[in-house]
Amino acid sequence: MAADKHSSWSYTEGLPDEDDILLRARDRSHELGVAPVTPAVGAALTVLAAASKASTAVEVGAGAGVSGVCLLRGLGRNAVLTTIDSDVDHLRAAREAYSEAGIPSNRTRTISGRAADVLPRLTDAAYDLVFIDADKPGLPVYVEQATRLLKDGGIMIINDALDQDRVAEPAVREQSTNTLRQVGKMIRENEALVSALVPTGTGLLLAVKQRA
């Protein structure tokens, strides 16, 4: 008899054994009213960061540092993570998580501001990895900017790409759901990108910028 898909999802989410640093960061996320990445997404971020051998990475949306710590644990010891968020409390919580994780301060850069304003100021083709976990209305702009920022062979990761499982339901026409459908179409139709949508967490959309 085939296993229930929900059981498989629950099993996958329960596999990562998170330490006290991540658990405290999760507690701070809830205190701030922001949803952290799920444990399985956090584990995937660590693996993807390690596989990418990235030396430069950008995170759009700090949360309270859960995703940042997961990325930093996969990145090389000299790699630098730039985290962008418009909420100074979120950035403060992220910096606290990085410090508790023993990440040297010269490996992180936190920028306060709207991502739509900050991303255009970053250098073209200078980043190996871009992780986006931010407001849905801004996603088309963030994806466009991320494509510009990535080096050839760099990877873009978009969290909650299934919009809490609504994207797969044709009858759902909420603005956030339609935006994610638009973003998925943008990425699939971009000949510079190869992509895959995986159901980890609430969906991870992965896209690699192909070498010219």
N, C-alpha and C. Protein backbone atom coordinates (compact mmCIF):
# COMPACT_ATOMS: atom_id res chain seq x y z
N MET A 1 0.85 -1.19 0.00
CA MET A 1 0.00 0.00 0.00
C MET A 1 0.89 1.24 0.00
N ALA A 2 0.58 2.21 -0.87
CA ALA A 2 1.40 3.42 -0.98
C ALA A 2 1.29 4.26 0.29
N ALA A 3 2.41 4.88 0.65
CA ALA A 3 2.43 5.71 1.85
C ALA A 3 1.70 7.03 1.58
N ASP A 4 1.12 7.59 2.63
CA ASP A 4 0.47 8.89 2.56
C ASP A 4 1.52 9.97 2.34
N LYS A 5 1.27 10.87 1.37
CA LYS A 5 2.23 11.94 1.08
C LYS A 5 2.45 12.83 2.30
N HIS A 6 1.39 13.07 3.07
CA HIS A 6 1.55 13.91 4.26
C HIS A 6 2.46 13.24 5.28
N SER A 7 2.36 11.91 5.38
CA SER A 7 3.23 11.18 6.30
C SER A 7 4.69 11.32 5.87
N SER A 8 4.92 11.25 4.57
CA SER A 8 6.29 11.41 4.05
C SER A 8 6.80 12.82 4.35
N TRP A 9 5.93 13.83 4.17
CA TRP A 9 6.31 15.22 4.43
C TRP A 9 6.65 15.38 5.92
N SER A 10 5.80 14.84 6.79
CA SER A 10 6.04 14.94 8.23
C SER A 10 7.33 14.24 8.62
N TYR A 11 7.58 13.09 8.02
CA TYR A 11 8.81 12.35 8.30
C TYR A 11 10.03 13.17 7.89
N THR A 12 9.96 13.78 6.70
CA THR A 12 11.07 14.58 6.19
C THR A 12 11.32 15.79 7.09
N GLU A 13 10.25 16.44 7.53
CA GLU A 13 10.40 17.62 8.39
C GLU A 13 10.95 17.25 9.76
N GLY A 14 10.68 16.02 10.19
CA GLY A 14 11.13 15.60 11.52
C GLY A 14 12.55 15.07 11.55
N LEU A 15 13.15 14.86 10.38
CA LEU A 15 14.50 14.27 10.35
C LEU A 15 15.60 15.17 10.89
N PRO A 16 15.64 16.46 10.51
CA PRO A 16 16.75 17.30 10.99
C PRO A 16 16.75 17.42 12.50
N ASP A 17 17.91 17.28 13.09
CA ASP A 17 18.08 17.39 14.54
C ASP A 17 18.69 18.76 14.83
N GLU A 18 17.83 19.74 15.08
CA GLU A 18 18.31 21.11 15.24
C GLU A 18 18.87 21.34 16.64
N ASP A 19 19.94 22.12 16.72
CA ASP A 19 20.57 22.40 18.00
C ASP A 19 19.91 23.58 18.69
N ASP A 20 20.41 23.91 19.89
CA ASP A 20 19.81 24.97 20.70
C ASP A 20 19.90 26.33 20.01
N ILE A 21 20.94 26.53 19.21
CA ILE A 21 21.09 27.83 18.52
C ILE A 21 19.92 28.06 17.57
N LEU A 22 19.60 27.05 16.77
CA LEU A 22 18.49 27.19 15.84
C LEU A 22 17.16 27.23 16.58
N LEU A 23 17.03 26.46 17.65
CA LEU A 23 15.78 26.47 18.41
C LEU A 23 15.54 27.82 19.05
N ARG A 24 16.60 28.47 19.56
CA ARG A 24 16.43 29.81 20.13
C ARG A 24 16.09 30.82 19.03
N ALA A 25 16.71 30.67 17.87
CA ALA A 25 16.38 31.55 16.74
C ALA A 25 14.92 31.37 16.33
N ARG A 26 14.44 30.14 16.37
CA ARG A 26 13.02 29.90 16.07
C ARG A 26 12.12 30.59 17.09
N ASP A 27 12.50 30.51 18.37
CA ASP A 27 11.72 31.18 19.41
C ASP A 27 11.66 32.69 19.16
N ARG A 28 12.79 33.27 18.77
CA ARG A 28 12.81 34.70 18.49
C ARG A 28 11.95 35.02 17.26
N SER A 29 11.94 34.11 16.28
CA SER A 29 11.08 34.31 15.10
C SER A 29 9.62 34.44 15.53
N HIS A 30 9.19 33.52 16.39
CA HIS A 30 7.79 33.53 16.82
C HIS A 30 7.49 34.79 17.64
N GLU A 31 8.45 35.22 18.46
CA GLU A 31 8.26 36.45 19.23
C GLU A 31 8.09 37.67 18.33
N LEU A 32 8.80 37.65 17.19
CA LEU A 32 8.73 38.77 16.25
C LEU A 32 7.58 38.63 15.25
N GLY A 33 6.91 37.48 15.29
CA GLY A 33 5.78 37.27 14.39
C GLY A 33 6.17 36.96 12.96
N VAL A 34 7.36 36.38 12.78
CA VAL A 34 7.77 35.98 11.43
C VAL A 34 7.89 34.46 11.38
N ALA A 35 7.56 33.90 10.23
CA ALA A 35 7.61 32.45 10.07
C ALA A 35 9.00 32.03 9.62
N PRO A 36 9.72 31.24 10.43
CA PRO A 36 11.04 30.78 10.00
C PRO A 36 10.91 29.67 8.97
N VAL A 37 12.00 29.40 8.24
CA VAL A 37 11.99 28.25 7.33
C VAL A 37 11.78 26.98 8.15
N THR A 38 11.18 25.98 7.54
CA THR A 38 10.95 24.73 8.25
C THR A 38 12.28 24.00 8.45
N PRO A 39 12.33 23.04 9.38
CA PRO A 39 13.58 22.30 9.59
C PRO A 39 14.12 21.64 8.32
N ALA A 40 13.24 21.07 7.50
CA ALA A 40 13.71 20.43 6.26
C ALA A 40 14.26 21.45 5.28
N VAL A 41 13.64 22.63 5.21
CA VAL A 41 14.16 23.68 4.35
C VAL A 41 15.52 24.15 4.86
N GLY A 42 15.63 24.29 6.18
CA GLY A 42 16.92 24.68 6.76
C GLY A 42 18.01 23.70 6.41
N ALA A 43 17.71 22.41 6.52
CA ALA A 43 18.70 21.37 6.16
C ALA A 43 19.04 21.44 4.68
N ALA A 44 18.02 21.68 3.84
CA ALA A 44 18.27 21.79 2.39
C ALA A 44 19.15 23.00 2.08
N LEU A 45 18.94 24.11 2.79
CA LEU A 45 19.77 25.30 2.57
C LEU A 45 21.23 25.01 2.89
N THR A 46 21.47 24.29 3.97
CA THR A 46 22.85 23.95 4.33
C THR A 46 23.49 23.09 3.25
N VAL A 47 22.76 22.10 2.76
CA VAL A 47 23.29 21.21 1.73
C VAL A 47 23.52 21.98 0.42
N LEU A 48 22.56 22.80 0.02
CA LEU A 48 22.69 23.56 -1.23
C LEU A 48 23.84 24.55 -1.15
N ALA A 49 24.00 25.20 0.01
CA ALA A 49 25.12 26.13 0.18
C ALA A 49 26.44 25.40 0.09
N ALA A 50 26.51 24.22 0.71
CA ALA A 50 27.75 23.45 0.67
C ALA A 50 28.04 22.96 -0.75
N ALA A 51 27.00 22.49 -1.44
CA ALA A 51 27.19 21.97 -2.80
C ALA A 51 27.60 23.07 -3.78
N SER A 52 27.11 24.27 -3.53
CA SER A 52 27.40 25.38 -4.44
C SER A 52 28.84 25.87 -4.34
N LYS A 53 29.50 25.53 -3.20
CA LYS A 53 30.85 26.04 -2.93
C LYS A 53 30.90 27.56 -3.06
N ALA A 54 29.80 28.20 -2.63
CA ALA A 54 29.68 29.65 -2.76
C ALA A 54 30.65 30.38 -1.84
N SER A 55 31.18 31.46 -2.35
CA SER A 55 32.00 32.35 -1.52
C SER A 55 31.26 33.64 -1.20
N THR A 56 30.22 33.95 -1.99
CA THR A 56 29.41 35.14 -1.77
C THR A 56 27.93 34.77 -1.89
N ALA A 57 27.14 35.19 -0.93
CA ALA A 57 25.72 34.84 -0.93
C ALA A 57 24.90 36.03 -0.46
N VAL A 58 23.67 36.10 -0.94
CA VAL A 58 22.72 37.14 -0.55
C VAL A 58 21.46 36.47 -0.04
N GLU A 59 20.94 37.01 1.06
CA GLU A 59 19.67 36.54 1.61
C GLU A 59 18.70 37.72 1.63
N VAL A 60 17.55 37.55 0.98
CA VAL A 60 16.52 38.59 0.98
C VAL A 60 15.45 38.18 1.97
N GLY A 61 15.44 38.83 3.12
CA GLY A 61 14.52 38.48 4.19
C GLY A 61 15.27 37.75 5.30
N ALA A 62 15.51 38.45 6.41
CA ALA A 62 16.34 37.88 7.47
C ALA A 62 15.60 36.93 8.38
N GLY A 63 14.26 37.13 8.51
CA GLY A 63 13.56 36.40 9.54
C GLY A 63 14.17 36.75 10.88
N ALA A 64 14.54 35.74 11.65
CA ALA A 64 15.28 35.98 12.89
C ALA A 64 16.60 35.20 12.86
N GLY A 65 17.06 34.89 11.67
CA GLY A 65 18.37 34.28 11.54
C GLY A 65 18.42 32.78 11.35
N VAL A 66 17.27 32.10 11.35
CA VAL A 66 17.27 30.65 11.17
C VAL A 66 17.87 30.27 9.82
N SER A 67 17.35 30.87 8.76
CA SER A 67 17.85 30.54 7.42
C SER A 67 19.29 30.98 7.24
N GLY A 68 19.64 32.14 7.81
CA GLY A 68 21.01 32.63 7.68
C GLY A 68 22.01 31.69 8.33
N VAL A 69 21.70 31.20 9.52
CA VAL A 69 22.59 30.25 10.20
C VAL A 69 22.73 28.98 9.37
N CYS A 70 21.60 28.50 8.82
CA CYS A 70 21.65 27.28 8.00
C CYS A 70 22.52 27.49 6.77
N LEU A 71 22.38 28.63 6.12
CA LEU A 71 23.22 28.92 4.96
C LEU A 71 24.68 29.01 5.35
N LEU A 72 24.98 29.74 6.41
CA LEU A 72 26.37 29.94 6.84
C LEU A 72 27.04 28.62 7.23
N ARG A 73 26.27 27.70 7.77
CA ARG A 73 26.83 26.40 8.14
C ARG A 73 27.21 25.57 6.92
N GLY A 74 26.61 25.87 5.77
CA GLY A 74 26.97 25.17 4.55
C GLY A 74 28.05 25.88 3.75
N LEU A 75 28.11 27.18 3.88
CA LEU A 75 29.09 27.97 3.14
C LEU A 75 30.50 27.71 3.67
N GLY A 76 31.50 27.93 2.83
CA GLY A 76 32.89 27.78 3.25
C GLY A 76 33.26 28.76 4.35
N ARG A 77 34.34 28.47 5.06
CA ARG A 77 34.68 29.27 6.23
C ARG A 77 35.09 30.70 5.90
N ASN A 78 35.38 30.99 4.63
CA ASN A 78 35.71 32.36 4.23
C ASN A 78 34.59 33.03 3.45
N ALA A 79 33.48 32.34 3.28
CA ALA A 79 32.36 32.90 2.52
C ALA A 79 31.64 33.98 3.32
N VAL A 80 31.05 34.93 2.60
CA VAL A 80 30.35 36.05 3.23
C VAL A 80 28.87 36.02 2.83
N LEU A 81 27.99 36.18 3.84
CA LEU A 81 26.55 36.26 3.61
C LEU A 81 26.07 37.68 3.83
N THR A 82 25.41 38.24 2.83
CA THR A 82 24.78 39.56 2.93
C THR A 82 23.29 39.36 3.14
N THR A 83 22.76 39.85 4.26
CA THR A 83 21.35 39.70 4.59
C THR A 83 20.66 41.06 4.50
N ILE A 84 19.54 41.10 3.77
CA ILE A 84 18.80 42.34 3.56
C ILE A 84 17.41 42.21 4.20
N ASP A 85 17.03 43.24 4.98
CA ASP A 85 15.69 43.26 5.57
C ASP A 85 15.35 44.70 5.90
N SER A 86 14.08 45.06 5.76
CA SER A 86 13.66 46.42 6.07
C SER A 86 13.35 46.61 7.55
N ASP A 87 13.28 45.51 8.30
CA ASP A 87 12.94 45.58 9.73
C ASP A 87 14.21 45.43 10.57
N VAL A 88 14.55 46.48 11.32
CA VAL A 88 15.79 46.46 12.10
C VAL A 88 15.74 45.42 13.22
N ASP A 89 14.55 45.12 13.73
CA ASP A 89 14.42 44.10 14.77
C ASP A 89 14.75 42.72 14.21
N HIS A 90 14.34 42.47 12.98
CA HIS A 90 14.67 41.19 12.35
C HIS A 90 16.18 41.06 12.16
N LEU A 91 16.80 42.14 11.72
CA LEU A 91 18.26 42.10 11.51
C LEU A 91 18.99 41.93 12.84
N ARG A 92 18.50 42.58 13.87
CA ARG A 92 19.13 42.44 15.19
C ARG A 92 19.05 40.99 15.66
N ALA A 93 17.88 40.37 15.48
CA ALA A 93 17.71 38.96 15.88
C ALA A 93 18.61 38.06 15.05
N ALA A 94 18.75 38.36 13.75
CA ALA A 94 19.62 37.55 12.89
C ALA A 94 21.07 37.66 13.35
N ARG A 95 21.51 38.88 13.66
CA ARG A 95 22.89 39.06 14.13
C ARG A 95 23.13 38.31 15.44
N GLU A 96 22.10 38.27 16.30
CA GLU A 96 22.23 37.53 17.56
C GLU A 96 22.40 36.04 17.27
N ALA A 97 21.63 35.53 16.31
CA ALA A 97 21.74 34.11 15.95
C ALA A 97 23.11 33.81 15.35
N TYR A 98 23.62 34.69 14.49
CA TYR A 98 24.93 34.48 13.89
C TYR A 98 26.01 34.45 14.97
N SER A 99 25.89 35.37 15.92
CA SER A 99 26.88 35.43 17.00
C SER A 99 26.84 34.16 17.85
N GLU A 100 25.64 33.72 18.20
CA GLU A 100 25.50 32.50 19.01
C GLU A 100 26.05 31.28 18.26
N ALA A 101 25.97 31.31 16.94
CA ALA A 101 26.47 30.19 16.13
C ALA A 101 27.98 30.24 15.95
N GLY A 102 28.60 31.29 16.49
CA GLY A 102 30.06 31.40 16.40
C GLY A 102 30.55 31.86 15.05
N ILE A 103 29.68 32.54 14.30
CA ILE A 103 30.08 33.04 12.98
C ILE A 103 30.86 34.34 13.16
N PRO A 104 32.09 34.44 12.66
CA PRO A 104 32.85 35.69 12.77
C PRO A 104 32.11 36.85 12.11
N SER A 105 32.20 38.02 12.69
CA SER A 105 31.44 39.17 12.19
C SER A 105 31.83 39.55 10.76
N ASN A 106 33.07 39.22 10.36
CA ASN A 106 33.49 39.59 9.00
C ASN A 106 32.92 38.65 7.93
N ARG A 107 32.14 37.65 8.37
CA ARG A 107 31.52 36.74 7.40
C ARG A 107 30.06 37.10 7.15
N THR A 108 29.56 38.13 7.83
CA THR A 108 28.17 38.53 7.63
C THR A 108 28.09 40.04 7.40
N ARG A 109 27.12 40.42 6.58
CA ARG A 109 26.85 41.83 6.35
C ARG A 109 25.34 41.99 6.36
N THR A 110 24.82 42.80 7.25
CA THR A 110 23.38 43.02 7.33
C THR A 110 23.08 44.43 6.83
N ILE A 111 22.11 44.51 5.93
CA ILE A 111 21.74 45.79 5.32
C ILE A 111 20.27 46.07 5.60
N SER A 112 20.01 47.21 6.24
CA SER A 112 18.65 47.62 6.54
C SER A 112 18.10 48.42 5.37
N GLY A 113 16.98 47.98 4.83
CA GLY A 113 16.36 48.70 3.72
C GLY A 113 15.44 47.80 2.94
N ARG A 114 14.65 48.41 2.07
CA ARG A 114 13.77 47.65 1.19
C ARG A 114 14.61 46.93 0.14
N ALA A 115 14.35 45.65 -0.04
CA ALA A 115 15.15 44.87 -0.99
C ALA A 115 15.09 45.47 -2.38
N ALA A 116 13.95 46.04 -2.76
CA ALA A 116 13.81 46.62 -4.09
C ALA A 116 14.76 47.81 -4.28
N ASP A 117 15.14 48.44 -3.17
CA ASP A 117 16.08 49.56 -3.23
C ASP A 117 17.53 49.10 -3.09
N VAL A 118 17.74 48.07 -2.27
CA VAL A 118 19.10 47.62 -1.97
C VAL A 118 19.68 46.76 -3.09
N LEU A 119 18.91 45.82 -3.61
CA LEU A 119 19.43 44.87 -4.60
C LEU A 119 20.03 45.56 -5.83
N PRO A 120 19.41 46.61 -6.38
CA PRO A 120 20.01 47.24 -7.56
C PRO A 120 21.38 47.87 -7.30
N ARG A 121 21.71 48.07 -6.02
CA ARG A 121 23.01 48.67 -5.70
C ARG A 121 24.11 47.62 -5.57
N LEU A 122 23.75 46.35 -5.59
CA LEU A 122 24.74 45.28 -5.49
C LEU A 122 25.33 45.01 -6.88
N THR A 123 26.54 44.46 -6.89
CA THR A 123 27.31 44.32 -8.12
C THR A 123 26.82 43.19 -9.01
N ASP A 124 26.77 43.44 -10.30
CA ASP A 124 26.39 42.43 -11.29
C ASP A 124 27.30 41.20 -11.19
N ALA A 125 26.69 40.02 -11.36
CA ALA A 125 27.43 38.75 -11.48
C ALA A 125 28.51 38.60 -10.41
N ALA A 126 28.18 38.97 -9.17
CA ALA A 126 29.17 38.92 -8.09
C ALA A 126 28.82 37.90 -7.01
N TYR A 127 27.70 37.19 -7.15
CA TYR A 127 27.24 36.31 -6.08
C TYR A 127 27.02 34.88 -6.60
N ASP A 128 27.34 33.93 -5.73
CA ASP A 128 27.20 32.52 -6.08
C ASP A 128 25.83 31.96 -5.69
N LEU A 129 25.17 32.61 -4.73
CA LEU A 129 23.91 32.09 -4.21
C LEU A 129 23.03 33.26 -3.78
N VAL A 130 21.75 33.19 -4.13
CA VAL A 130 20.77 34.17 -3.65
C VAL A 130 19.58 33.40 -3.10
N PHE A 131 19.24 33.67 -1.83
CA PHE A 131 18.09 33.03 -1.19
C PHE A 131 17.04 34.10 -0.95
N ILE A 132 15.81 33.83 -1.40
CA ILE A 132 14.72 34.80 -1.30
C ILE A 132 13.60 34.23 -0.44
N ASP A 133 13.33 34.92 0.66
CA ASP A 133 12.23 34.54 1.56
C ASP A 133 11.62 35.84 2.07
N ALA A 134 10.88 36.50 1.18
CA ALA A 134 10.44 37.86 1.47
C ALA A 134 9.01 38.06 0.97
N ASP A 135 8.55 39.32 1.01
CA ASP A 135 7.17 39.64 0.64
C ASP A 135 6.86 39.20 -0.78
N LYS A 136 5.69 38.61 -0.93
CA LYS A 136 5.31 38.05 -2.23
C LYS A 136 5.16 39.11 -3.33
N PRO A 137 4.57 40.29 -3.06
CA PRO A 137 4.43 41.26 -4.15
C PRO A 137 5.76 41.67 -4.77
N GLY A 138 6.83 41.62 -3.99
CA GLY A 138 8.13 42.04 -4.51
C GLY A 138 8.89 40.97 -5.26
N LEU A 139 8.37 39.74 -5.28
CA LEU A 139 9.14 38.63 -5.84
C LEU A 139 9.56 38.81 -7.30
N PRO A 140 8.70 39.30 -8.19
CA PRO A 140 9.17 39.46 -9.57
C PRO A 140 10.41 40.35 -9.68
N VAL A 141 10.44 41.43 -8.91
CA VAL A 141 11.61 42.32 -8.92
C VAL A 141 12.82 41.62 -8.31
N TYR A 142 12.60 40.91 -7.20
CA TYR A 142 13.71 40.23 -6.54
C TYR A 142 14.33 39.16 -7.44
N VAL A 143 13.48 38.43 -8.15
CA VAL A 143 13.97 37.39 -9.06
C VAL A 143 14.75 38.01 -10.22
N GLU A 144 14.25 39.09 -10.75
CA GLU A 144 14.95 39.78 -11.84
C GLU A 144 16.33 40.25 -11.37
N GLN A 145 16.37 40.83 -10.16
CA GLN A 145 17.63 41.31 -9.62
C GLN A 145 18.56 40.15 -9.29
N ALA A 146 18.01 39.08 -8.72
CA ALA A 146 18.84 37.92 -8.37
C ALA A 146 19.50 37.33 -9.60
N THR A 147 18.77 37.27 -10.70
CA THR A 147 19.34 36.74 -11.95
C THR A 147 20.52 37.59 -12.38
N ARG A 148 20.40 38.89 -12.24
CA ARG A 148 21.50 39.79 -12.58
C ARG A 148 22.69 39.62 -11.65
N LEU A 149 22.41 39.39 -10.37
CA LEU A 149 23.48 39.31 -9.36
C LEU A 149 24.27 38.01 -9.45
N LEU A 150 23.64 36.94 -9.94
CA LEU A 150 24.29 35.64 -9.92
C LEU A 150 25.44 35.53 -10.93
N LYS A 151 26.50 34.89 -10.48
CA LYS A 151 27.57 34.49 -11.40
C LYS A 151 27.06 33.34 -12.26
N ASP A 152 27.72 33.06 -13.36
CA ASP A 152 27.41 31.85 -14.12
C ASP A 152 27.61 30.65 -13.21
N GLY A 153 26.64 29.77 -13.17
CA GLY A 153 26.71 28.61 -12.29
C GLY A 153 26.14 28.86 -10.91
N GLY A 154 25.73 30.11 -10.64
CA GLY A 154 25.16 30.44 -9.33
C GLY A 154 23.74 29.94 -9.18
N ILE A 155 23.29 29.80 -7.93
CA ILE A 155 21.96 29.24 -7.67
C ILE A 155 21.07 30.24 -6.95
N MET A 156 19.81 30.30 -7.39
CA MET A 156 18.77 31.08 -6.74
C MET A 156 17.82 30.11 -6.04
N ILE A 157 17.42 30.45 -4.81
CA ILE A 157 16.52 29.60 -4.03
C ILE A 157 15.37 30.48 -3.54
N ILE A 158 14.15 30.08 -3.83
CA ILE A 158 12.97 30.84 -3.40
C ILE A 158 12.16 29.98 -2.44
N ASN A 159 11.93 30.49 -1.23
CA ASN A 159 11.17 29.75 -0.23
C ASN A 159 9.68 30.00 -0.39
N ASP A 160 8.88 29.05 0.10
CA ASP A 160 7.41 29.11 0.04
C ASP A 160 6.93 29.29 -1.40
N ALA A 161 7.57 28.59 -2.31
CA ALA A 161 7.26 28.73 -3.73
C ALA A 161 5.91 28.12 -4.10
N LEU A 162 5.34 27.31 -3.22
CA LEU A 162 4.01 26.75 -3.46
C LEU A 162 2.93 27.55 -2.73
N ASP A 163 3.33 28.63 -2.06
CA ASP A 163 2.39 29.52 -1.36
C ASP A 163 1.46 28.72 -0.46
N GLN A 164 2.07 28.00 0.49
CA GLN A 164 1.28 27.18 1.42
C GLN A 164 0.36 26.20 0.68
N ASP A 165 0.90 25.61 -0.40
CA ASP A 165 0.20 24.59 -1.19
C ASP A 165 -0.94 25.13 -2.03
N ARG A 166 -1.04 26.45 -2.18
CA ARG A 166 -2.13 27.01 -2.98
C ARG A 166 -1.82 27.06 -4.47
N VAL A 167 -0.55 27.11 -4.85
CA VAL A 167 -0.17 27.26 -6.26
C VAL A 167 -0.72 26.12 -7.11
N ALA A 168 -0.75 24.93 -6.56
CA ALA A 168 -1.21 23.75 -7.32
C ALA A 168 -2.72 23.68 -7.49
N GLU A 169 -3.47 24.57 -6.83
CA GLU A 169 -4.93 24.54 -6.90
C GLU A 169 -5.41 25.61 -7.88
N PRO A 170 -5.86 25.21 -9.08
CA PRO A 170 -6.24 26.19 -10.12
C PRO A 170 -7.33 27.17 -9.66
N ALA A 171 -8.18 26.74 -8.74
CA ALA A 171 -9.29 27.60 -8.31
C ALA A 171 -8.82 28.75 -7.41
N VAL A 172 -7.63 28.61 -6.83
CA VAL A 172 -7.14 29.66 -5.93
C VAL A 172 -6.56 30.80 -6.75
N ARG A 173 -7.09 32.00 -6.53
CA ARG A 173 -6.68 33.17 -7.32
C ARG A 173 -6.21 34.31 -6.41
N GLU A 174 -5.70 33.97 -5.23
CA GLU A 174 -5.20 35.02 -4.35
C GLU A 174 -3.98 35.69 -4.98
N GLN A 175 -3.75 36.95 -4.60
CA GLN A 175 -2.68 37.72 -5.22
C GLN A 175 -1.33 37.04 -5.04
N SER A 176 -1.04 36.55 -3.82
CA SER A 176 0.26 35.92 -3.57
C SER A 176 0.42 34.67 -4.42
N THR A 177 -0.67 33.91 -4.59
CA THR A 177 -0.62 32.68 -5.38
C THR A 177 -0.37 33.00 -6.85
N ASN A 178 -1.08 33.98 -7.36
CA ASN A 178 -0.88 34.38 -8.76
C ASN A 178 0.53 34.91 -8.99
N THR A 179 1.07 35.63 -8.00
CA THR A 179 2.44 36.15 -8.13
C THR A 179 3.43 35.01 -8.22
N LEU A 180 3.26 33.99 -7.40
CA LEU A 180 4.19 32.86 -7.43
C LEU A 180 4.06 32.06 -8.73
N ARG A 181 2.86 31.96 -9.26
CA ARG A 181 2.70 31.32 -10.58
C ARG A 181 3.44 32.14 -11.64
N GLN A 182 3.31 33.46 -11.55
CA GLN A 182 4.00 34.35 -12.50
C GLN A 182 5.51 34.18 -12.39
N VAL A 183 6.01 34.13 -11.15
CA VAL A 183 7.46 33.98 -10.92
C VAL A 183 7.95 32.65 -11.47
N GLY A 184 7.20 31.58 -11.21
CA GLY A 184 7.59 30.28 -11.75
C GLY A 184 7.67 30.30 -13.26
N LYS A 185 6.70 30.95 -13.91
CA LYS A 185 6.68 31.05 -15.37
C LYS A 185 7.87 31.88 -15.86
N MET A 186 8.15 32.98 -15.17
CA MET A 186 9.30 33.83 -15.53
C MET A 186 10.59 33.01 -15.56
N ILE A 187 10.76 32.22 -14.51
CA ILE A 187 12.00 31.45 -14.38
C ILE A 187 12.07 30.33 -15.42
N ARG A 188 10.96 29.63 -15.62
CA ARG A 188 10.95 28.54 -16.60
C ARG A 188 11.22 29.05 -18.01
N GLU A 189 10.75 30.25 -18.31
CA GLU A 189 10.90 30.80 -19.67
C GLU A 189 12.22 31.52 -19.88
N ASN A 190 13.00 31.69 -18.82
CA ASN A 190 14.29 32.37 -18.94
C ASN A 190 15.34 31.35 -19.41
N GLU A 191 15.84 31.53 -20.63
CA GLU A 191 16.77 30.55 -21.19
C GLU A 191 18.11 30.53 -20.47
N ALA A 192 18.38 31.54 -19.64
CA ALA A 192 19.63 31.57 -18.88
C ALA A 192 19.56 30.72 -17.62
N LEU A 193 18.35 30.22 -17.30
CA LEU A 193 18.15 29.49 -16.05
C LEU A 193 17.67 28.06 -16.30
N VAL A 194 18.15 27.14 -15.49
CA VAL A 194 17.54 25.80 -15.41
C VAL A 194 16.96 25.70 -14.01
N SER A 195 15.77 25.12 -13.89
CA SER A 195 15.07 25.21 -12.62
C SER A 195 14.36 23.92 -12.26
N ALA A 196 14.00 23.84 -10.98
CA ALA A 196 13.20 22.73 -10.46
C ALA A 196 12.41 23.23 -9.26
N LEU A 197 11.19 22.75 -9.14
CA LEU A 197 10.34 23.07 -8.00
C LEU A 197 10.21 21.81 -7.15
N VAL A 198 10.65 21.90 -5.91
CA VAL A 198 10.60 20.72 -5.02
C VAL A 198 9.67 21.02 -3.85
N PRO A 199 8.96 20.00 -3.34
CA PRO A 199 7.93 20.25 -2.33
C PRO A 199 8.44 20.31 -0.89
N THR A 200 9.72 20.46 -0.69
CA THR A 200 10.26 20.57 0.66
C THR A 200 9.66 21.78 1.36
N GLY A 201 9.29 21.62 2.63
CA GLY A 201 8.66 22.72 3.36
C GLY A 201 7.37 23.11 2.67
N THR A 202 7.25 24.38 2.31
CA THR A 202 6.10 24.83 1.53
C THR A 202 6.52 25.18 0.11
N GLY A 203 7.54 24.45 -0.36
CA GLY A 203 8.00 24.59 -1.73
C GLY A 203 9.28 25.38 -1.84
N LEU A 204 10.27 24.79 -2.49
CA LEU A 204 11.52 25.49 -2.80
C LEU A 204 11.67 25.50 -4.32
N LEU A 205 11.78 26.70 -4.86
CA LEU A 205 12.04 26.85 -6.29
C LEU A 205 13.53 27.09 -6.46
N LEU A 206 14.20 26.21 -7.18
CA LEU A 206 15.65 26.27 -7.38
C LEU A 206 15.92 26.62 -8.83
N ALA A 207 16.86 27.53 -9.05
CA ALA A 207 17.23 27.89 -10.43
C ALA A 207 18.73 28.16 -10.48
N VAL A 208 19.39 27.57 -11.45
CA VAL A 208 20.83 27.78 -11.65
C VAL A 208 21.04 28.57 -12.92
N LYS A 209 21.89 29.58 -12.82
CA LYS A 209 22.21 30.40 -13.99
C LYS A 209 23.27 29.67 -14.81
N GLN A 210 22.93 29.33 -16.02
CA GLN A 210 23.82 28.55 -16.87
C GLN A 210 25.00 29.38 -17.34
N ARG A 211 26.11 28.70 -17.47
CA ARG A 211 27.30 29.37 -18.02
C ARG A 211 27.08 29.70 -19.48
N ALA A 212 27.51 30.89 -19.86
CA ALA A 212 27.30 31.33 -21.25
C ALA A 212 28.14 30.49 -22.19
